[in-house]
C-alpha cells in the first residue's frame, strides 16, 4: 500500500473542508514527507477537541482518535507541548460550530 506524504494529505484534507465551507488552516507546518498530524477542532464556543491519527497494530488500519478535549486554551497548551517535543508535527485547526471535522469520512484515515 502506498503511503501519502503528510503534505499531500494536509492539502487534500483542507480542500475537502473547503468544499463543505468549513474554515481550516495550517497552524504548524511539519515535515513534508513524514510528519505526524494533529487536528484541532474549534467549535467557537471556548471548547476544542484534538485528534491524532493512530495505527492499529492488530488490523493494520489507521484511524483518528480523540487525543484531548476541553477548554480551547488548555488544548492549545497541550498542542504546544507536543510541538515542542516533535518539530516535524503538523497542526491543522478546523473551525466549525456544529463540530464537523470530516475525519470520519472514507479516505481520511489513509
N, C-alpha and C. Protein backbone atom coordinates (compact mmCIF):
# COMPACT_ATOMS: atom_id res chain seq x y z
N UNK A 1 0.84 -1.18 0.00
CA UNK A 1 0.00 0.00 0.00
C UNK A 1 0.89 1.25 0.00
N UNK A 2 0.58 2.18 -0.85
CA UNK A 2 1.33 3.42 -0.95
C UNK A 2 0.87 4.36 0.17
N UNK A 3 1.84 4.96 0.82
CA UNK A 3 1.53 5.89 1.90
C UNK A 3 1.67 7.32 1.38
N UNK A 4 0.68 8.13 1.66
CA UNK A 4 0.70 9.53 1.22
C UNK A 4 1.66 10.34 2.08
N UNK A 5 2.29 11.33 1.48
CA UNK A 5 3.12 12.23 2.29
C UNK A 5 2.20 13.07 3.17
N UNK A 6 2.75 13.56 4.26
CA UNK A 6 1.97 14.40 5.17
C UNK A 6 1.46 15.64 4.45
N UNK A 7 2.32 16.27 3.68
CA UNK A 7 1.92 17.50 2.99
C UNK A 7 0.77 17.23 2.01
N UNK A 8 0.84 16.15 1.26
CA UNK A 8 -0.22 15.81 0.31
C UNK A 8 -1.54 15.60 1.05
N UNK A 9 -1.48 14.83 2.16
CA UNK A 9 -2.69 14.56 2.94
C UNK A 9 -3.29 15.86 3.47
N UNK A 10 -2.45 16.73 4.00
CA UNK A 10 -2.94 18.01 4.55
C UNK A 10 -3.62 18.83 3.47
N UNK A 11 -3.02 18.94 2.30
CA UNK A 11 -3.62 19.72 1.21
C UNK A 11 -4.96 19.12 0.77
N UNK A 12 -5.02 17.80 0.69
CA UNK A 12 -6.27 17.13 0.31
C UNK A 12 -7.35 17.35 1.38
N UNK A 13 -6.96 17.28 2.65
CA UNK A 13 -7.90 17.48 3.75
C UNK A 13 -8.45 18.91 3.72
N UNK A 14 -7.57 19.88 3.56
CA UNK A 14 -8.01 21.28 3.50
C UNK A 14 -8.95 21.51 2.33
N UNK A 15 -8.67 20.87 1.20
CA UNK A 15 -9.55 21.01 0.03
C UNK A 15 -10.93 20.41 0.31
N UNK A 16 -10.95 19.26 0.96
CA UNK A 16 -12.23 18.63 1.29
C UNK A 16 -13.04 19.50 2.26
N UNK A 17 -12.37 20.11 3.23
CA UNK A 17 -13.05 21.01 4.16
C UNK A 17 -13.60 22.23 3.43
N UNK A 18 -12.81 22.79 2.51
CA UNK A 18 -13.26 23.96 1.73
C UNK A 18 -14.53 23.64 0.95
N UNK A 19 -14.60 22.44 0.39
CA UNK A 19 -15.79 22.04 -0.37
C UNK A 19 -17.04 22.01 0.49
N UNK A 20 -16.88 21.82 1.79
CA UNK A 20 -18.01 21.81 2.73
C UNK A 20 -18.17 23.16 3.44
N UNK A 21 -17.42 24.17 2.99
CA UNK A 21 -17.45 25.51 3.59
C UNK A 21 -17.10 25.48 5.08
N UNK A 22 -16.12 24.65 5.43
CA UNK A 22 -15.63 24.57 6.80
C UNK A 22 -14.26 25.23 6.83
N UNK A 23 -14.13 26.34 7.56
CA UNK A 23 -12.83 27.02 7.64
C UNK A 23 -11.78 26.16 8.33
N UNK A 24 -10.57 26.15 7.78
CA UNK A 24 -9.46 25.42 8.37
C UNK A 24 -8.16 26.03 7.88
N UNK A 25 -7.13 25.90 8.69
CA UNK A 25 -5.84 26.44 8.31
C UNK A 25 -4.72 25.68 9.01
N UNK A 26 -3.54 25.79 8.43
CA UNK A 26 -2.35 25.16 8.99
C UNK A 26 -1.81 26.07 10.08
N UNK A 27 -1.74 25.57 11.30
CA UNK A 27 -1.18 26.32 12.43
C UNK A 27 0.32 26.09 12.50
N UNK A 28 0.71 24.82 12.30
CA UNK A 28 2.13 24.45 12.34
C UNK A 28 2.42 23.57 11.13
N UNK A 29 3.41 23.97 10.35
CA UNK A 29 3.81 23.21 9.16
C UNK A 29 4.93 22.25 9.56
N UNK A 30 4.62 20.98 9.56
CA UNK A 30 5.59 19.97 9.95
C UNK A 30 6.40 19.48 8.77
N UNK A 31 7.01 18.32 8.94
CA UNK A 31 7.82 17.71 7.90
C UNK A 31 6.92 17.33 6.72
N UNK A 32 7.33 17.73 5.52
CA UNK A 32 6.51 17.49 4.33
C UNK A 32 6.29 16.01 4.04
N UNK A 33 7.27 15.19 4.33
CA UNK A 33 7.18 13.78 3.97
C UNK A 33 6.49 12.92 5.01
N UNK A 34 6.94 13.02 6.24
CA UNK A 34 6.50 12.04 7.22
C UNK A 34 6.07 12.63 8.56
N UNK A 35 5.76 13.89 8.62
CA UNK A 35 5.35 14.49 9.88
C UNK A 35 4.01 13.95 10.35
N UNK A 36 3.89 13.79 11.66
CA UNK A 36 2.60 13.40 12.25
C UNK A 36 1.65 14.59 12.15
N UNK A 37 0.36 14.33 12.25
CA UNK A 37 -0.64 15.38 12.08
C UNK A 37 -1.60 15.39 13.26
N UNK A 38 -1.81 16.57 13.84
CA UNK A 38 -2.85 16.77 14.84
C UNK A 38 -3.91 17.66 14.21
N UNK A 39 -5.17 17.39 14.51
CA UNK A 39 -6.27 18.24 14.06
C UNK A 39 -6.97 18.78 15.29
N UNK A 40 -7.02 20.11 15.38
CA UNK A 40 -7.74 20.76 16.48
C UNK A 40 -9.08 21.23 15.92
N UNK A 41 -10.15 20.71 16.51
CA UNK A 41 -11.50 21.11 16.12
C UNK A 41 -11.99 22.15 17.11
N UNK A 42 -12.08 23.39 16.65
CA UNK A 42 -12.52 24.52 17.47
C UNK A 42 -13.99 24.76 17.17
N UNK A 43 -14.84 24.59 18.19
CA UNK A 43 -16.28 24.77 17.99
C UNK A 43 -16.72 26.21 18.26
N UNK A 44 -15.77 27.09 18.44
CA UNK A 44 -16.01 28.54 18.55
C UNK A 44 -16.89 28.91 19.75
N UNK A 45 -16.89 28.06 20.76
CA UNK A 45 -17.62 28.35 22.00
C UNK A 45 -16.71 28.23 23.22
N UNK A 46 -15.41 28.33 22.97
CA UNK A 46 -14.44 28.20 24.04
C UNK A 46 -13.95 26.78 24.26
N UNK A 47 -14.49 25.83 23.50
CA UNK A 47 -14.12 24.43 23.64
C UNK A 47 -13.43 23.94 22.37
N UNK A 48 -12.62 22.91 22.52
CA UNK A 48 -11.92 22.34 21.37
C UNK A 48 -11.63 20.86 21.64
N UNK A 49 -11.43 20.14 20.56
CA UNK A 49 -11.06 18.73 20.62
C UNK A 49 -9.84 18.54 19.73
N UNK A 50 -8.88 17.76 20.20
CA UNK A 50 -7.67 17.49 19.43
C UNK A 50 -7.68 16.01 19.03
N UNK A 51 -7.46 15.76 17.75
CA UNK A 51 -7.43 14.41 17.21
C UNK A 51 -6.04 14.10 16.69
N UNK A 52 -5.68 12.83 16.79
CA UNK A 52 -4.43 12.36 16.18
C UNK A 52 -4.71 11.05 15.46
N UNK A 53 -3.89 10.78 14.47
CA UNK A 53 -4.03 9.53 13.72
C UNK A 53 -3.34 8.42 14.49
N UNK A 54 -4.00 7.30 14.58
CA UNK A 54 -3.47 6.16 15.32
C UNK A 54 -3.40 4.96 14.38
N UNK A 55 -2.44 4.10 14.61
CA UNK A 55 -2.25 2.89 13.81
C UNK A 55 -2.57 1.69 14.68
N UNK A 56 -3.52 0.87 14.25
CA UNK A 56 -3.89 -0.35 14.97
C UNK A 56 -2.97 -1.47 14.51
N UNK A 57 -2.11 -1.94 15.40
CA UNK A 57 -1.14 -2.97 15.04
C UNK A 57 -1.80 -4.30 14.69
N UNK A 58 -2.94 -4.58 15.29
CA UNK A 58 -3.62 -5.86 15.03
C UNK A 58 -4.26 -5.89 13.65
N UNK A 59 -4.95 -4.82 13.27
CA UNK A 59 -5.67 -4.83 12.00
C UNK A 59 -4.89 -4.16 10.87
N UNK A 60 -3.90 -3.33 11.24
CA UNK A 60 -3.15 -2.60 10.23
C UNK A 60 -3.86 -1.35 9.73
N UNK A 61 -4.99 -1.03 10.35
CA UNK A 61 -5.77 0.14 9.93
C UNK A 61 -5.33 1.39 10.67
N UNK A 62 -5.52 2.51 10.00
CA UNK A 62 -5.30 3.81 10.62
C UNK A 62 -6.65 4.42 10.93
N UNK A 63 -6.70 5.11 12.05
CA UNK A 63 -7.94 5.76 12.43
C UNK A 63 -7.62 7.02 13.22
N UNK A 64 -8.57 7.93 13.24
CA UNK A 64 -8.42 9.15 14.01
C UNK A 64 -9.02 8.92 15.39
N UNK A 65 -8.25 9.26 16.43
CA UNK A 65 -8.73 9.12 17.79
C UNK A 65 -8.67 10.47 18.48
N UNK A 66 -9.54 10.64 19.48
CA UNK A 66 -9.53 11.87 20.25
C UNK A 66 -8.35 11.83 21.22
N UNK A 67 -7.48 12.81 21.11
CA UNK A 67 -6.33 12.90 22.00
C UNK A 67 -6.70 13.65 23.27
N UNK A 68 -7.45 14.74 23.13
CA UNK A 68 -7.85 15.56 24.28
C UNK A 68 -9.06 16.40 23.91
N UNK A 69 -9.82 16.79 24.94
CA UNK A 69 -11.00 17.63 24.72
C UNK A 69 -11.17 18.51 25.96
N UNK A 70 -11.53 19.78 25.71
CA UNK A 70 -11.75 20.69 26.83
C UNK A 70 -11.68 22.13 26.40
N UNK A 71 -11.40 23.03 27.36
CA UNK A 71 -11.29 24.44 27.04
C UNK A 71 -10.20 24.68 25.98
N UNK A 72 -10.50 25.57 25.05
CA UNK A 72 -9.58 25.80 23.93
C UNK A 72 -8.18 26.17 24.40
N UNK A 73 -8.07 27.01 25.41
CA UNK A 73 -6.75 27.43 25.90
C UNK A 73 -5.93 26.22 26.38
N UNK A 74 -6.59 25.29 27.05
CA UNK A 74 -5.90 24.08 27.51
C UNK A 74 -5.48 23.21 26.34
N UNK A 75 -6.30 23.14 25.31
CA UNK A 75 -5.95 22.35 24.13
C UNK A 75 -4.76 22.97 23.42
N UNK A 76 -4.73 24.30 23.35
CA UNK A 76 -3.59 24.98 22.74
C UNK A 76 -2.30 24.70 23.52
N UNK A 77 -2.39 24.64 24.84
CA UNK A 77 -1.21 24.33 25.66
C UNK A 77 -0.75 22.89 25.42
N UNK A 78 -1.70 21.98 25.31
CA UNK A 78 -1.35 20.58 25.04
C UNK A 78 -0.68 20.44 23.67
N UNK A 79 -1.20 21.16 22.70
CA UNK A 79 -0.60 21.12 21.36
C UNK A 79 0.80 21.73 21.39
N UNK A 80 0.98 22.82 22.13
CA UNK A 80 2.30 23.46 22.24
C UNK A 80 3.32 22.49 22.84
N UNK A 81 2.90 21.72 23.82
CA UNK A 81 3.82 20.73 24.42
C UNK A 81 4.20 19.67 23.38
N UNK A 82 3.23 19.26 22.57
CA UNK A 82 3.50 18.27 21.53
C UNK A 82 4.48 18.81 20.48
N UNK A 83 4.26 20.06 20.05
CA UNK A 83 5.14 20.63 19.01
C UNK A 83 6.53 20.91 19.56
N UNK A 84 6.65 21.16 20.86
CA UNK A 84 7.99 21.32 21.47
C UNK A 84 8.77 20.01 21.40
N UNK A 85 8.07 18.88 21.57
CA UNK A 85 8.72 17.56 21.54
C UNK A 85 8.94 17.04 20.12
N UNK A 86 8.08 17.47 19.19
CA UNK A 86 8.14 16.94 17.82
C UNK A 86 8.11 18.07 16.81
N UNK A 87 9.28 18.53 16.35
CA UNK A 87 9.32 19.64 15.40
C UNK A 87 8.78 19.29 14.02
N UNK A 88 8.56 17.99 13.74
CA UNK A 88 8.02 17.57 12.45
C UNK A 88 6.49 17.54 12.43
N UNK A 89 5.86 17.87 13.54
CA UNK A 89 4.42 17.77 13.71
C UNK A 89 3.67 18.85 12.93
N UNK A 90 2.61 18.43 12.26
CA UNK A 90 1.67 19.34 11.60
C UNK A 90 0.51 19.58 12.56
N UNK A 91 -0.01 20.81 12.60
CA UNK A 91 -1.21 21.11 13.36
C UNK A 91 -2.18 21.84 12.44
N UNK A 92 -3.36 21.27 12.29
CA UNK A 92 -4.42 21.85 11.48
C UNK A 92 -5.54 22.29 12.41
N UNK A 93 -6.02 23.52 12.27
CA UNK A 93 -7.16 23.97 13.06
C UNK A 93 -8.38 24.07 12.16
N UNK A 94 -9.44 23.42 12.60
CA UNK A 94 -10.73 23.42 11.91
C UNK A 94 -11.70 24.19 12.79
N UNK A 95 -12.43 25.12 12.19
CA UNK A 95 -13.40 25.92 12.94
C UNK A 95 -14.81 25.62 12.44
N UNK A 96 -15.60 24.99 13.31
CA UNK A 96 -16.96 24.66 12.92
C UNK A 96 -17.85 24.57 14.16
N UNK A 97 -18.85 25.42 14.21
CA UNK A 97 -19.75 25.47 15.37
C UNK A 97 -20.48 24.15 15.60
N UNK A 98 -20.77 23.43 14.54
CA UNK A 98 -21.50 22.16 14.70
C UNK A 98 -20.57 20.97 14.92
N UNK A 99 -19.27 21.21 14.99
CA UNK A 99 -18.32 20.15 15.33
C UNK A 99 -17.95 19.21 14.21
N UNK A 100 -18.06 19.67 12.96
CA UNK A 100 -17.69 18.82 11.82
C UNK A 100 -16.20 18.91 11.57
N UNK A 101 -15.54 17.76 11.54
CA UNK A 101 -14.12 17.72 11.19
C UNK A 101 -13.91 16.92 9.91
N UNK A 102 -14.87 16.13 9.53
CA UNK A 102 -14.84 15.24 8.36
C UNK A 102 -13.85 14.08 8.52
N UNK A 103 -13.22 13.95 9.68
CA UNK A 103 -12.23 12.90 9.87
C UNK A 103 -12.84 11.50 9.83
N UNK A 104 -14.15 11.42 10.00
CA UNK A 104 -14.81 10.12 9.96
C UNK A 104 -15.22 9.72 8.54
N UNK A 105 -14.93 10.56 7.55
CA UNK A 105 -15.30 10.24 6.17
C UNK A 105 -14.28 9.28 5.55
N UNK A 106 -14.74 8.44 4.63
CA UNK A 106 -13.83 7.50 3.96
C UNK A 106 -12.66 8.23 3.29
N UNK A 107 -11.49 7.61 3.39
CA UNK A 107 -10.31 8.16 2.73
C UNK A 107 -9.45 9.05 3.59
N UNK A 108 -9.95 9.54 4.71
CA UNK A 108 -9.16 10.45 5.51
C UNK A 108 -8.27 9.75 6.55
N UNK A 109 -8.44 8.47 6.74
CA UNK A 109 -7.59 7.75 7.67
C UNK A 109 -6.28 7.34 7.01
N UNK A 110 -6.21 7.39 5.69
CA UNK A 110 -5.01 6.95 4.97
C UNK A 110 -3.85 7.88 5.16
